[in-house]
Amino acid sequence: MSDKLTDRLRGKYEVGPGGMYGTRSFADFIPPISIEAADRIEELEHALSQRQSADETVSEDPLNLIKNICADAIGAL
């Protein structure tokens, strides 16, 4: 497991440097909003990776690109 923000939002933490002692789960104590945030972040990351692979050269203004990606991800909900 990597030490990703979405994992930490779900209560999963690596123990020791580089996870050398495994992972710990605190999922029983996680508020639902944190789980929802992790899900939304992963949806946006997925939409961004699909968008980047679709057009390798992005000539669009970065703020418009983010706005369009968010609109696509929210529209898919």
C-alpha atoms as a PDB file:
ATOM      1  CA  MET A   1       0.000   0.000   0.000  1.00  0.00           C
ATOM      2  CA  SER A   2       1.245   3.457  -0.763  1.00  0.00           C
ATOM      3  CA  ASP A   3       0.873   6.371   1.610  1.00  0.00           C
ATOM      4  CA  LYS A   4      -1.783   8.167  -0.431  1.00  0.00           C
ATOM      5  CA  LEU A   5      -4.100  10.886   0.822  1.00  0.00           C
ATOM      6  CA  THR A   6      -7.139   8.790  -0.088  1.00  0.00           C
ATOM      7  CA  ASP A   7      -5.850   5.884   1.998  1.00  0.00           C
ATOM      8  CA  ARG A   8      -5.315   8.167   4.984  1.00  0.00           C
ATOM      9  CA  LEU A   9      -8.815   9.627   4.571  1.00  0.00           C
ATOM     10  CA  ARG A  10     -10.102   6.059   4.804  1.00  0.00           C
ATOM     11  CA  GLY A  11      -8.098   5.471   7.998  1.00  0.00           C
ATOM     12  CA  LYS A  12      -5.350   3.292   6.489  1.00  0.00           C
ATOM     13  CA  TYR A  13      -1.831   4.227   7.541  1.00  0.00           C
ATOM     14  CA  GLU A  14       1.594   2.745   6.865  1.00  0.00           C
ATOM     15  CA  VAL A  15       3.579   1.920   9.998  1.00  0.00           C
ATOM     16  CA  GLY A  16       7.297   2.652  10.024  1.00  0.00           C
ATOM     17  CA  PRO A  17       9.452   4.167   7.310  1.00  0.00           C
ATOM     18  CA  GLY A  18       8.123   3.128   3.928  1.00  0.00           C
ATOM     19  CA  GLY A  19       5.544   0.867   5.585  1.00  0.00           C
ATOM     20  CA  MET A  20       8.225  -1.555   6.761  1.00  0.00           C
ATOM     21  CA  TYR A  21       5.992  -2.686   9.660  1.00  0.00           C
ATOM     22  CA  GLY A  22       2.848  -3.068   7.600  1.00  0.00           C
ATOM     23  CA  THR A  23      -0.309  -0.998   7.836  1.00  0.00           C
ATOM     24  CA  ARG A  24      -2.848  -0.043  10.467  1.00  0.00           C
ATOM     25  CA  SER A  25      -6.517   0.530   9.878  1.00  0.00           C
ATOM     26  CA  PHE A  26      -8.591   2.964  11.867  1.00  0.00           C
ATOM     27  CA  ALA A  27     -11.628   2.539   9.600  1.00  0.00           C
ATOM     28  CA  ASP A  28     -14.008   2.097  12.558  1.00  0.00           C
ATOM     29  CA  PHE A  29     -13.429   5.723  13.570  1.00  0.00           C
ATOM     30  CA  ILE A  30     -13.656   7.436  10.178  1.00  0.00           C
ATOM     31  CA  PRO A  31     -16.475   9.956   9.632  1.00  0.00           C
ATOM     32  CA  PRO A  32     -18.533   9.335   6.462  1.00  0.00           C
ATOM     33  CA  ILE A  33     -17.461  12.688   5.001  1.00  0.00           C
ATOM     34  CA  SER A  34     -13.848  11.469   4.878  1.00  0.00           C
ATOM     35  CA  ILE A  35     -14.855   8.362   2.927  1.00  0.00           C
ATOM     36  CA  GLU A  36     -16.885  10.502   0.531  1.00  0.00           C
ATOM     37  CA  ALA A  37     -13.937  12.879   0.084  1.00  0.00           C
ATOM     38  CA  ALA A  38     -11.601   9.962  -0.710  1.00  0.00           C
ATOM     39  CA  ASP A  39     -14.074   8.611  -3.274  1.00  0.00           C
ATOM     40  CA  ARG A  40     -14.433  12.018  -4.951  1.00  0.00           C
ATOM     41  CA  ILE A  41     -10.660  12.532  -5.059  1.00  0.00           C
ATOM     42  CA  GLU A  42     -10.201   9.147  -6.743  1.00  0.00           C
ATOM     43  CA  GLU A  43     -12.973   9.939  -9.254  1.00  0.00           C
ATOM     44  CA  LEU A  44     -11.288  13.242 -10.126  1.00  0.00           C
ATOM     45  CA  GLU A  45      -7.858  11.574 -10.403  1.00  0.00           C
ATOM     46  CA  HIS A  46      -9.364   8.952 -12.707  1.00  0.00           C
ATOM     47  CA  ALA A  47     -11.086  11.609 -14.848  1.00  0.00           C
ATOM     48  CA  LEU A  48      -7.839  13.571 -15.054  1.00  0.00           C
ATOM     49  CA  SER A  49      -5.819  10.532 -16.131  1.00  0.00           C
ATOM     50  CA  GLN A  50      -8.408   9.657 -18.789  1.00  0.00           C
ATOM     51  CA  ARG A  51      -8.404  13.212 -20.050  1.00  0.00           C
ATOM     52  CA  GLN A  52      -4.597  13.359 -20.178  1.00  0.00           C
ATOM     53  CA  SER A  53      -4.340  10.061 -22.018  1.00  0.00           C
ATOM     54  CA  ALA A  54      -6.990  11.176 -24.511  1.00  0.00           C
ATOM     55  CA  ASP A  55      -5.064  14.258 -25.526  1.00  0.00           C
ATOM     56  CA  GLU A  56      -1.381  14.054 -24.735  1.00  0.00           C
ATOM     57  CA  THR A  57      -0.772  17.687 -25.579  1.00  0.00           C
ATOM     58  CA  VAL A  58      -2.916  19.939 -23.453  1.00  0.00           C
ATOM     59  CA  SER A  59      -3.092  23.398 -24.922  1.00  0.00           C
ATOM     60  CA  GLU A  60      -6.113  24.370 -22.846  1.00  0.00           C
ATOM     61  CA  ASP A  61      -5.800  26.899 -20.017  1.00  0.00           C
ATOM     62  CA  PRO A  62      -5.146  24.858 -16.827  1.00  0.00           C
ATOM     63  CA  LEU A  63      -8.010  26.505 -14.913  1.00  0.00           C
ATOM     64  CA  ASN A  64     -10.472  25.700 -17.709  1.00  0.00           C
ATOM     65  CA  LEU A  65      -9.112  22.154 -17.849  1.00  0.00           C
ATOM     66  CA  ILE A  66      -9.731  21.657 -14.108  1.00  0.00           C
ATOM     67  CA  LYS A  67     -13.204  23.199 -14.406  1.00  0.00           C
ATOM     68  CA  ASN A  68     -14.102  20.864 -17.286  1.00  0.00           C
ATOM     69  CA  ILE A  69     -12.734  17.770 -15.534  1.00  0.00           C
ATOM     70  CA  CYS A  70     -14.694  18.587 -12.367  1.00  0.00           C
ATOM     71  CA  ALA A  71     -17.857  19.164 -14.404  1.00  0.00           C
ATOM     72  CA  ASP A  72     -17.371  15.804 -16.151  1.00  0.00           C
ATOM     73  CA  ALA A  73     -16.778  13.972 -12.861  1.00  0.00           C
ATOM     74  CA  ILE A  74     -19.718  15.597 -11.066  1.00  0.00           C
ATOM     75  CA  GLY A  75     -21.974  14.976 -14.048  1.00  0.00           C
ATOM     76  CA  ALA A  76     -21.096  11.260 -13.856  1.00  0.00           C
ATOM     77  CA  LEU A  77     -22.400  11.006 -10.255  1.00  0.00           C
END
